[in-house]
Protein backbone atom coordinates (compact mmCIF):
# COMPACT_ATOMS: atom_id res chain seq x y z
CA MET A 1 -64.81 13.10 -5.98
CA THR A 2 -66.96 10.02 -6.29
CA THR A 3 -66.40 6.92 -4.26
CA THR A 4 -65.49 4.97 -7.42
CA ARG A 5 -62.86 7.52 -8.44
CA GLN A 6 -61.38 7.65 -4.91
CA ALA A 7 -60.94 3.86 -5.01
CA ALA A 8 -59.22 4.10 -8.40
CA VAL A 9 -56.78 6.73 -7.13
CA LYS A 10 -55.94 4.62 -4.07
CA LYS A 11 -55.37 1.60 -6.31
CA SER A 12 -53.08 3.65 -8.56
CA GLU A 13 -51.06 4.92 -5.59
CA ALA A 14 -50.71 1.38 -4.23
CA ALA A 15 -49.45 0.17 -7.61
CA LYS A 16 -46.57 2.66 -7.41
CA HIS A 17 -45.31 0.89 -4.29
CA SER A 18 -45.71 -2.73 -5.37
CA VAL A 19 -43.97 -5.24 -7.60
CA GLU A 20 -45.27 -8.28 -9.45
CA VAL A 21 -43.80 -11.61 -8.40
CA ASP A 22 -44.93 -14.78 -10.23
CA GLY A 23 -48.23 -13.17 -11.16
CA ALA A 24 -48.99 -11.96 -7.61
CA THR A 25 -48.61 -8.42 -6.43
CA GLU A 26 -46.33 -7.88 -3.41
CA PRO A 27 -46.20 -4.53 -1.60
CA THR A 28 -42.86 -2.74 -1.43
CA ALA A 29 -41.59 -0.45 1.32
CA SER A 30 -43.94 2.39 2.15
CA LEU A 31 -43.04 6.02 1.53
CA SER A 32 -42.26 6.42 5.22
CA GLU A 33 -39.55 3.74 4.97
CA ALA A 34 -36.80 5.74 3.25
CA PRO A 35 -33.93 3.71 1.69
CA ALA A 36 -30.66 3.57 3.60
CA LYS A 37 -28.28 6.38 2.68
CA ARG A 38 -25.17 5.46 0.77
CA ASP A 39 -21.93 6.29 2.53
CA PRO A 40 -20.71 9.50 0.81
CA ARG A 41 -17.17 8.17 0.90
CA ARG A 42 -18.24 5.27 -1.33
CA THR A 43 -19.81 7.70 -3.80
CA TYR A 44 -16.55 9.65 -3.85
CA LEU A 45 -14.46 6.49 -4.28
CA ALA A 46 -16.71 5.24 -7.11
CA ALA A 47 -16.07 8.56 -8.89
CA LEU A 48 -12.31 8.09 -8.40
CA ILE A 49 -12.49 4.62 -9.95
CA LYS A 50 -14.18 6.08 -13.02
CA LYS A 51 -11.50 8.77 -13.18
CA VAL A 52 -8.73 6.15 -13.12
CA GLN A 53 -10.37 4.17 -15.93
CA SER A 54 -11.90 6.89 -18.10
CA HIS A 55 -8.94 7.97 -20.26
CA ALA A 56 -7.94 4.37 -21.01
CA ASP A 57 -11.54 3.39 -21.81
CA VAL A 58 -11.91 6.23 -24.32
CA MET A 59 -8.59 5.53 -26.06
CA ARG A 60 -9.36 1.82 -26.35
CA GLN A 61 -12.60 2.70 -28.15
CA PHE A 62 -10.78 5.00 -30.55
CA LEU A 63 -7.89 2.64 -31.27
CA GLN A 64 -9.88 -0.62 -31.28
CA GLU A 65 -7.37 -3.43 -32.00
CA GLN A 66 -4.53 -1.21 -33.20
CA ASP A 67 -1.17 -1.76 -31.49
CA GLN A 68 -0.68 1.59 -29.75
CA ASN A 69 0.84 0.57 -26.44
CA THR A 70 2.47 3.95 -25.83
CA THR A 71 -0.79 5.85 -26.27
CA LEU A 72 -2.82 3.43 -24.18
CA GLY A 73 -0.15 3.46 -21.47
CA LEU A 74 -0.22 7.26 -21.34
CA ALA A 75 -4.01 7.23 -21.01
CA ALA A 76 -3.88 4.64 -18.22
CA GLU A 77 -1.36 6.49 -16.07
CA THR A 78 -2.99 9.91 -16.59
CA GLY A 79 -6.12 8.91 -14.69
CA LEU A 80 -4.16 7.56 -11.73
CA ARG A 81 -2.02 10.70 -11.51
CA ASP A 82 -5.21 12.81 -11.43
CA VAL A 83 -6.54 10.76 -8.52
CA LEU A 84 -3.29 11.00 -6.56
CA ARG A 85 -3.28 14.78 -6.93
CA GLY A 86 -6.60 14.79 -5.10
CA VAL A 87 -5.48 12.73 -2.09
CA LEU A 88 -1.89 13.93 -1.54
CA PRO A 89 -0.75 17.39 -0.37
CA ALA A 90 0.01 20.04 -2.99
CA SER A 91 3.69 19.84 -2.01
CA PHE A 92 3.94 16.46 -3.78
CA GLY A 93 5.21 16.47 -7.32
CA ILE A 94 3.35 13.80 -9.30
CA THR A 95 4.82 13.15 -12.70
CA SER A 96 5.87 10.57 -15.28
CA GLY A 97 9.32 10.06 -16.72
CA PHE A 98 12.68 8.51 -15.93
CA MET A 99 14.82 8.04 -12.85
CA CYS A 100 18.54 8.73 -13.06
CA ARG A 101 21.74 8.56 -11.08
CA ALA A 102 23.39 11.46 -9.28
CA ASP A 103 25.37 12.35 -12.44
CA GLY A 104 22.21 12.52 -14.56
CA SER A 105 22.70 9.24 -16.45
CA LEU A 106 19.55 7.16 -16.78
CA ILE A 107 19.26 3.88 -14.89
CA GLU A 108 19.75 0.86 -17.13
CA ALA A 109 17.20 -1.92 -17.47
CA ILE A 110 17.85 -5.46 -16.30
CA VAL A 111 19.07 -6.29 -19.81
CA GLU A 112 22.58 -4.83 -19.95
CA GLY A 113 22.92 -1.82 -22.23
CA GLU A 114 19.21 -1.00 -22.34
CA VAL A 115 17.66 1.96 -20.57
CA SER A 116 14.84 1.22 -18.14
CA PRO A 117 11.39 1.98 -19.57
CA GLN A 118 9.58 5.12 -18.57
CA THR A 119 8.21 5.07 -15.02
CA ASP A 120 4.47 5.75 -15.13
CA VAL A 121 4.08 7.68 -11.85
CA ILE A 122 6.90 9.25 -9.82
CA LEU A 123 6.27 11.05 -6.52
CA TYR A 124 8.68 13.61 -5.06
CA ASP A 125 8.76 16.65 -2.78
CA ALA A 126 8.17 19.53 -5.21
CA SER A 127 8.81 22.10 -2.47
CA ARG A 128 12.51 21.25 -2.33
CA VAL A 129 13.35 19.06 -5.33
CA CYS A 130 13.84 20.18 -8.91
CA PRO A 131 13.95 17.54 -11.68
CA PHE A 132 17.07 17.27 -13.82
CA TYR A 133 15.00 17.91 -16.91
CA ARG A 134 11.37 18.65 -17.73
CA MET A 135 9.57 18.45 -21.08
CA ASN A 136 5.83 18.97 -20.77
CA ASP A 137 4.64 16.04 -18.60
CA ILE A 138 7.90 14.06 -18.88
CA GLU A 139 10.52 14.62 -16.19
CA VAL A 140 13.91 13.14 -15.36
CA LEU A 141 14.36 12.84 -11.59
CA ALA A 142 17.25 11.69 -9.43
CA ALA A 143 16.36 8.30 -7.95
CA ARG A 144 17.49 9.39 -4.49
CA ASP A 145 14.82 12.16 -4.56
CA ALA A 146 11.92 9.82 -5.36
CA LEU A 147 9.42 9.45 -2.51
CA GLY A 148 7.52 6.78 -4.41
CA PHE A 149 6.80 5.30 -7.81
CA VAL A 150 3.94 3.35 -9.37
CA GLU A 151 3.93 1.07 -12.40
CA VAL A 152 0.58 1.13 -14.25
CA LYS A 153 -0.49 -1.64 -16.65
CA ASP A 154 -3.52 -1.65 -18.99
CA HIS A 155 -3.26 -5.19 -20.33
CA ARG A 156 -6.46 -7.15 -21.01
CA ASN A 157 -5.00 -9.85 -18.78
CA GLY A 158 -3.61 -7.62 -16.05
CA GLU A 159 -2.06 -10.44 -14.03
CA TYR A 160 0.00 -11.53 -17.05
CA ALA A 161 1.49 -8.02 -17.24
CA LEU A 162 3.14 -8.47 -13.84
CA ARG A 163 5.95 -10.39 -15.56
CA ASP A 164 8.00 -9.73 -18.71
CA GLN A 165 5.82 -10.37 -21.77
CA GLY A 166 8.58 -10.65 -24.38
CA LYS A 167 8.95 -8.63 -27.58
CA GLY A 168 10.28 -5.63 -25.67
CA LYS A 169 7.32 -5.47 -23.28
CA PRO A 170 8.76 -5.37 -19.75
CA GLY A 171 6.67 -6.59 -16.84
CA ALA A 172 5.74 -4.46 -13.85
CA LEU A 173 7.56 -6.53 -11.22
CA PRO A 174 11.01 -6.59 -12.91
CA HIS A 175 10.80 -2.83 -13.53
CA VAL A 176 9.95 -2.12 -9.90
CA ALA A 177 12.74 -4.42 -8.73
CA ARG A 178 15.31 -2.51 -10.80
CA LEU A 179 14.25 0.89 -9.47
CA VAL A 180 14.24 -0.30 -5.85
CA GLU A 181 18.01 -0.80 -6.07
CA HIS A 182 18.42 2.95 -6.45
CA ALA A 183 15.48 4.14 -4.27
CA PRO A 184 15.04 1.46 -1.57
CA GLU A 185 13.07 3.67 0.86
CA ALA A 186 10.54 4.91 -1.70
CA PHE A 187 6.94 3.73 -1.71
CA ARG A 188 6.44 1.29 -4.59
CA ALA A 189 3.22 -0.01 -6.08
CA VAL A 190 1.77 -1.71 -9.16
CA VAL A 191 -1.69 -0.75 -10.45
CA LEU A 192 -3.45 -2.99 -12.97
CA LEU A 193 -6.40 -1.36 -14.74
CA ARG A 194 -7.79 -4.66 -15.97
CA GLY A 195 -7.82 -8.29 -14.87
CA ARG A 196 -9.10 -11.51 -16.32
CA GLU A 197 -11.85 -13.81 -15.11
CA LEU A 198 -10.59 -17.39 -15.12
CA SER A 199 -12.64 -20.56 -14.91
CA ARG A 200 -10.62 -22.33 -12.24
CA LYS A 201 -9.11 -19.49 -10.21
CA SER A 202 -9.90 -15.93 -9.25
CA PRO A 203 -7.87 -12.98 -10.64
CA ALA A 204 -6.29 -12.53 -7.19
CA GLN A 205 -5.13 -16.15 -7.23
CA ALA A 206 -3.75 -15.67 -10.75
CA ALA A 207 -1.81 -12.62 -9.55
CA HIS A 208 -0.48 -14.69 -6.64
CA ASP A 209 0.80 -17.35 -9.07
CA GLN A 210 2.54 -14.72 -11.23
CA CYS A 211 4.25 -13.21 -8.19
CA LYS A 212 5.28 -16.65 -6.93
CA SER A 213 6.94 -17.54 -10.22
CA GLU A 214 8.78 -14.20 -10.19
CA GLU A 215 10.60 -15.20 -6.96
CA LEU A 216 10.08 -11.92 -5.15
CA THR A 217 12.14 -11.06 -2.08
CA SER A 218 11.74 -8.53 0.73
CA LEU A 219 14.25 -6.35 -1.15
CA ASN A 220 12.19 -5.79 -4.30
CA VAL A 221 8.56 -6.68 -3.54
CA PRO A 222 6.01 -3.88 -4.20
CA HIS A 223 4.33 -2.53 -1.10
CA VAL A 224 0.97 -2.82 -2.88
CA ILE A 225 -0.47 -4.47 -6.01
CA TYR A 226 -3.94 -3.15 -6.86
CA CYS A 227 -6.31 -4.22 -9.69
CA VAL A 228 -8.95 -1.57 -10.41
CA ALA A 229 -11.40 -3.55 -12.55
CA MET A 230 -11.36 -6.78 -10.54
CA GLY A 231 -11.23 -5.07 -7.14
CA TYR A 232 -8.46 -7.06 -5.43
CA LEU A 233 -5.38 -5.99 -3.50
CA ALA A 234 -2.05 -7.44 -2.40
CA VAL A 235 -0.21 -5.82 0.52
CA TYR A 236 3.27 -6.63 1.80
CA GLU A 237 3.67 -7.29 5.55
CA TYR A 238 7.22 -6.59 6.67
CA THR A 239 7.36 -8.44 9.99
CA THR A 240 6.08 -11.76 8.61
CA ASN A 241 7.72 -11.18 5.19
CA LYS A 242 4.52 -12.15 3.37
CA LEU A 243 2.54 -10.70 0.48
CA HIS A 244 -1.16 -11.04 1.35
CA PHE A 245 -3.77 -11.16 -1.43
CA PHE A 246 -7.27 -9.89 -0.59
CA GLU A 247 -10.60 -10.03 -2.39
CA TYR A 248 -13.64 -7.87 -1.57
CA GLU A 249 -17.36 -8.53 -1.61
CA GLU A 250 -18.41 -5.10 -2.98
CA ALA A 251 -19.15 -5.26 -6.69
CA ASP A 252 -18.30 -1.56 -7.14
CA GLY A 253 -14.68 -2.03 -5.98
CA THR A 254 -14.75 0.92 -3.60
CA SER A 255 -13.30 -0.93 -0.59
CA ALA A 256 -10.29 -2.11 -2.59
CA LEU A 257 -9.56 1.44 -3.77
CA ALA A 258 -10.07 2.76 -0.22
CA ASP A 259 -7.48 0.33 1.15
CA PHE A 260 -5.03 1.13 -1.65
CA LEU A 261 -5.25 4.87 -0.96
CA HIS A 262 -5.22 4.23 2.80
CA VAL A 263 -1.89 2.40 2.52
CA LEU A 264 -0.36 4.91 0.08
CA THR A 265 -1.27 8.04 2.05
CA GLY A 266 -0.47 6.32 5.35
CA PHE A 267 3.07 5.59 4.15
CA PHE A 268 3.76 9.30 3.72
CA ALA A 269 1.94 10.19 6.95
CA ALA A 270 4.28 7.81 8.81
CA ARG A 271 7.21 9.73 7.34
CA GLY A 272 5.72 13.03 8.47
CA LEU A 273 5.13 14.20 4.88
CA SER A 274 1.33 14.40 5.12
CA SER A 275 -1.51 14.28 7.65
CA SER A 276 -3.05 11.02 8.85
CA SER A 277 -6.58 12.47 8.53
CA THR A 278 -6.80 11.70 4.81
CA THR A 279 -5.71 8.09 5.24
CA LEU A 280 -8.35 7.43 7.87
CA GLY A 281 -11.14 9.22 6.03
CA LEU A 282 -10.69 7.03 2.97
CA SER A 283 -10.71 3.69 4.78
CA VAL A 284 -14.33 2.54 4.48
CA GLY A 285 -14.01 -1.21 3.96
CA GLU A 286 -15.79 -3.21 6.67
CA ARG A 287 -13.70 -6.00 8.06
CA SER A 288 -16.21 -8.63 6.92
CA THR A 289 -15.93 -7.63 3.26
CA ARG A 290 -12.21 -8.39 2.95
CA LYS A 291 -11.00 -11.97 2.83
CA THR A 292 -7.51 -13.34 2.39
CA ILE A 293 -7.21 -15.48 -0.74
CA GLU A 294 -3.52 -16.33 -0.66
CA SER A 295 -0.42 -15.37 1.34
CA LEU A 296 2.91 -15.62 -0.41
CA GLN A 297 5.85 -16.29 1.92
CA LEU A 298 8.97 -14.64 0.49
CA GLU A 299 11.95 -16.93 0.66
CA ASP A 300 14.85 -14.59 1.50
CA ARG A 301 14.04 -14.46 5.22
CA GLY A 302 11.50 -15.77 7.70
CA PRO A 303 9.13 -13.93 10.04
CA LEU A 304 10.82 -11.80 12.71
CA PRO A 305 10.10 -12.33 16.43
CA SER A 306 8.32 -9.53 18.28
CA LEU A 307 10.63 -6.82 19.58
CA ARG A 308 7.77 -5.54 21.74
CA ASP A 309 7.47 -8.88 23.55
CA MET A 310 11.23 -9.04 24.11
CA ILE A 311 11.29 -5.54 25.59
CA ALA A 312 8.26 -6.25 27.80
CA ALA A 313 9.93 -9.38 29.19
CA HIS A 314 13.30 -7.66 29.63
CA ALA A 315 12.14 -4.46 31.37
CA LEU A 316 9.34 -5.42 33.71
CA GLY A 317 9.53 -2.38 35.98
CA ASP A 318 11.71 0.13 37.80
CA GLU A 319 13.13 -0.44 41.25
CA ASP A 320 10.46 1.80 42.76
CA GLY A 321 7.74 -0.40 41.26
CA ILE A 322 6.52 2.23 38.78
CA GLU A 323 5.90 1.01 35.25
CA PRO A 324 8.50 2.73 33.01
CA SER A 325 7.54 4.60 29.87
CA PHE A 326 7.96 3.13 26.41
CA GLU A 327 10.99 5.33 25.77
CA ARG A 328 12.70 4.18 28.95
CA LYS A 329 11.98 0.52 28.20
CA LEU A 330 13.30 0.87 24.68
CA GLU A 331 16.44 2.76 25.73
CA ARG A 332 17.25 0.19 28.39
CA PHE A 333 16.74 -2.72 26.00
CA VAL A 334 18.86 -1.05 23.31
CA ARG A 335 21.66 -0.37 25.79
CA GLU A 336 21.79 -3.89 27.14
CA ARG A 337 20.83 -6.19 24.27
CA VAL A 338 20.97 -4.44 20.90
CA GLN A 339 23.95 -4.26 18.60
CA GLU A 340 22.28 -2.14 15.90
CA LEU A 341 18.85 -0.55 15.55
CA PHE A 342 17.05 0.46 12.37
CA CYS A 343 13.69 1.94 11.43
CA THR A 344 11.89 2.57 8.17
CA ALA A 345 8.44 3.31 6.78
CA THR A 346 6.75 0.21 5.40
CA THR A 347 3.46 -1.66 5.14
CA GLY A 348 1.68 -4.23 7.28
CA ARG A 349 -1.58 -4.95 9.06
CA ALA A 350 -3.22 -3.42 12.13
CA ARG A 351 -4.54 -5.32 15.13
CA ASP A 352 -7.99 -5.74 13.54
CA GLY A 353 -6.48 -7.01 10.27
CA GLU A 354 -6.78 -3.69 8.44
CA VAL A 355 -4.06 -3.16 5.83
CA CYS A 356 -2.02 -0.07 6.60
CA ALA A 357 1.37 1.63 6.55
CA GLY A 358 3.54 2.62 9.48
CA ILE A 359 7.01 2.38 10.99
CA VAL A 360 8.92 -0.84 11.63
CA VAL A 361 11.73 -0.88 14.20
CA VAL A 362 14.29 -3.66 13.66
CA ALA A 363 16.93 -4.64 16.23
CA ARG A 364 20.02 -6.73 15.62
CA LEU A 365 20.67 -8.47 18.94
CA LYS A 366 24.03 -8.74 20.68
CA ASP A 367 23.65 -12.17 22.23
CA MET A 368 22.75 -14.03 19.04
CA ASP A 369 24.58 -14.29 15.74
CA ASP A 370 22.65 -12.42 13.02
CA SER A 371 19.47 -12.58 15.07
CA TYR A 372 16.86 -9.87 14.57
CA ALA A 373 13.57 -8.83 16.17
CA ALA A 374 11.08 -6.26 14.90
CA SER A 375 7.89 -4.42 15.81
CA PHE A 376 5.46 -2.66 13.47
CA PHE A 377 3.80 0.58 14.57
CA ALA A 378 0.64 1.62 12.70
CA LEU A 379 -1.15 4.98 12.72
CA THR A 380 -4.38 5.08 14.73
CA GLN A 381 -7.45 7.26 14.20
CA ARG A 382 -6.18 9.96 16.55
CA GLY A 383 -2.73 10.13 14.99
CA PHE A 384 -1.03 7.89 17.58
CA LEU A 385 1.38 5.13 16.72
CA SER A 386 0.21 1.75 18.00
CA CYS A 387 2.37 -1.37 18.19
CA VAL A 388 0.43 -4.11 16.44
CA ASP A 389 2.67 -7.17 16.46
CA PRO A 390 0.84 -10.47 15.87
CA ASP A 391 -0.19 -12.24 19.05
CA SER A 392 2.51 -14.85 19.53
CA ASP A 393 5.11 -15.91 22.06
CA SER A 394 7.93 -16.01 19.50
CA GLY A 395 11.09 -14.35 20.71
CA LEU A 396 10.27 -14.52 24.42
CA PRO A 397 12.95 -15.93 26.73
CA GLU A 398 12.25 -19.44 27.98
CA GLY A 399 9.91 -19.42 30.96
CA SER A 400 8.60 -15.91 30.27
CA THR A 401 4.93 -15.20 29.73
CA ARG A 402 3.52 -12.76 27.25
CA ARG A 403 2.27 -9.46 28.69
CA GLN A 404 -0.69 -7.80 26.97
CA THR A 405 1.00 -4.47 26.29
CA VAL A 406 -0.21 -1.89 23.78
CA TRP A 407 2.16 1.00 23.15
CA LEU A 408 0.60 4.24 21.98
CA ILE A 409 2.89 7.06 20.91
CA ALA A 410 1.87 10.56 19.85
CA HIS A 411 4.20 12.28 17.41
CA GLU A 412 3.72 14.37 14.29
CA ARG A 413 6.69 12.79 12.52
CA PRO A 414 6.82 9.12 13.60
CA GLU A 415 9.98 8.26 11.68
CA MET A 416 11.93 11.13 13.26
CA TYR A 417 10.60 10.18 16.70
CA PHE A 418 12.15 6.72 16.54
CA LYS A 419 15.39 8.05 15.13
CA ARG A 420 15.67 10.47 18.07
CA VAL A 421 14.73 7.97 20.79
CA CYS A 422 16.86 5.17 19.43
CA GLY A 423 19.87 7.35 18.65
CA LEU A 424 19.82 6.26 15.03
CA LEU A 425 21.75 7.69 12.13
CA PRO A 426 19.88 10.19 9.89
CA GLU A 427 19.37 7.51 7.24
CA SER A 428 18.38 4.37 9.11
CA GLY A 429 16.74 2.31 6.38
CA ASP A 430 16.28 -1.45 6.25
CA PRO A 431 19.06 -3.74 7.55
CA PHE A 432 18.12 -6.45 5.05
CA HIS A 433 18.20 -4.21 2.02
CA VAL A 434 21.43 -5.14 0.24
CA THR A 435 21.43 -3.30 -3.07
CA SER A 436 23.62 -3.27 -6.12
CA ARG A 437 27.01 -1.63 -5.86
CA SER A 438 25.97 1.18 -8.19
CA GLY A 439 22.83 1.95 -6.17
CA ALA A 440 24.70 1.94 -2.86
CA ALA A 441 27.50 4.12 -4.27
CA GLU A 442 25.01 6.69 -5.52
CA ARG A 443 23.39 7.07 -2.11
CA GLU A 444 26.78 7.35 -0.40
CA GLU A 445 27.79 10.13 -2.80
CA SER A 446 24.53 11.98 -2.13
């Protein structure tokens, strides 16, 4: 090879690794500098996002501007059900249909005399529960057997679909609120396939405004509101009684989906219905990518003081000077200061701000009229329960100082653990959840 030809080949090879910037050629990374590998979990989550959206995208192309809400709704919920089948155990029944009372009659809508619209996604334990009726993919299930339900909306302005839209088009929030009366311990979520870019506010802020005007309470608020296209999330925090709205920096929306699935699967892991390994494997969002846009304080009750801090101040040590175990501290506190004790699976935030699900323990105190304290226990990476109350001195007796105490508990079924230790009734539930007479009567009959 001649010297001239060798120079031409070298010049050609160099051109493959350079870019032109304002008429000048700048070298790019050399072949030895391999690009950073993409986290395989993000690739998987990106595929799940496409799966959620694909059926609805295809049907919108076919139908164009035709008014086919039923068909589009079916397409929207089908993708989400497919995704949930991939992240929940096979024992979960994942269907669409209606929820009914113990006698088989369908639950009415908020408007008297009208039946509630079809519920897009219903979750139940298929290993022990049989629906009242099944017709292809439509099932009628007793509300008391529902482990969770999700309302899916494919409106071009997703935030608008949170509320009633008139002309027989019920909003997601009123529908969820009605079902909660009959299944108060079920996981509840709203998934919006689309959102709308606004000039003066972000989609997450628009969703916040819709929720604020709906006057949500701790009794009927969804645990999660998730928008697929706009990549934002709202998560309810039980102890502070706030609905926190988060936006994410990733353009592909994978962190928002990861947090949504992390909360959903964690809820069932806290109840001992699934493993915690799935919930932790899906959580890929770095803490710096999530920022709080708005926090909506629900008006029916204020934040609850820390039960952990009260117990730590009350039971400082045994007579022999040995630090007592968590169980012994809790039992002593319950015996001496608690009138009633409750626990339930719910949602909140971990110590590092990560959104998650876990168990909340609520105590009604003897020495104060209608005074409550609560602690939230979240699942950790190794399957422990960790108390993650916000750092505050609220609820401490006057003159007491806060002790930096972290309680870690290992148990396969966290909910059952607290019920055993605290001597709770089989159905503990939420002390603040006052439901309709019909809903309460159904659960008593069951």
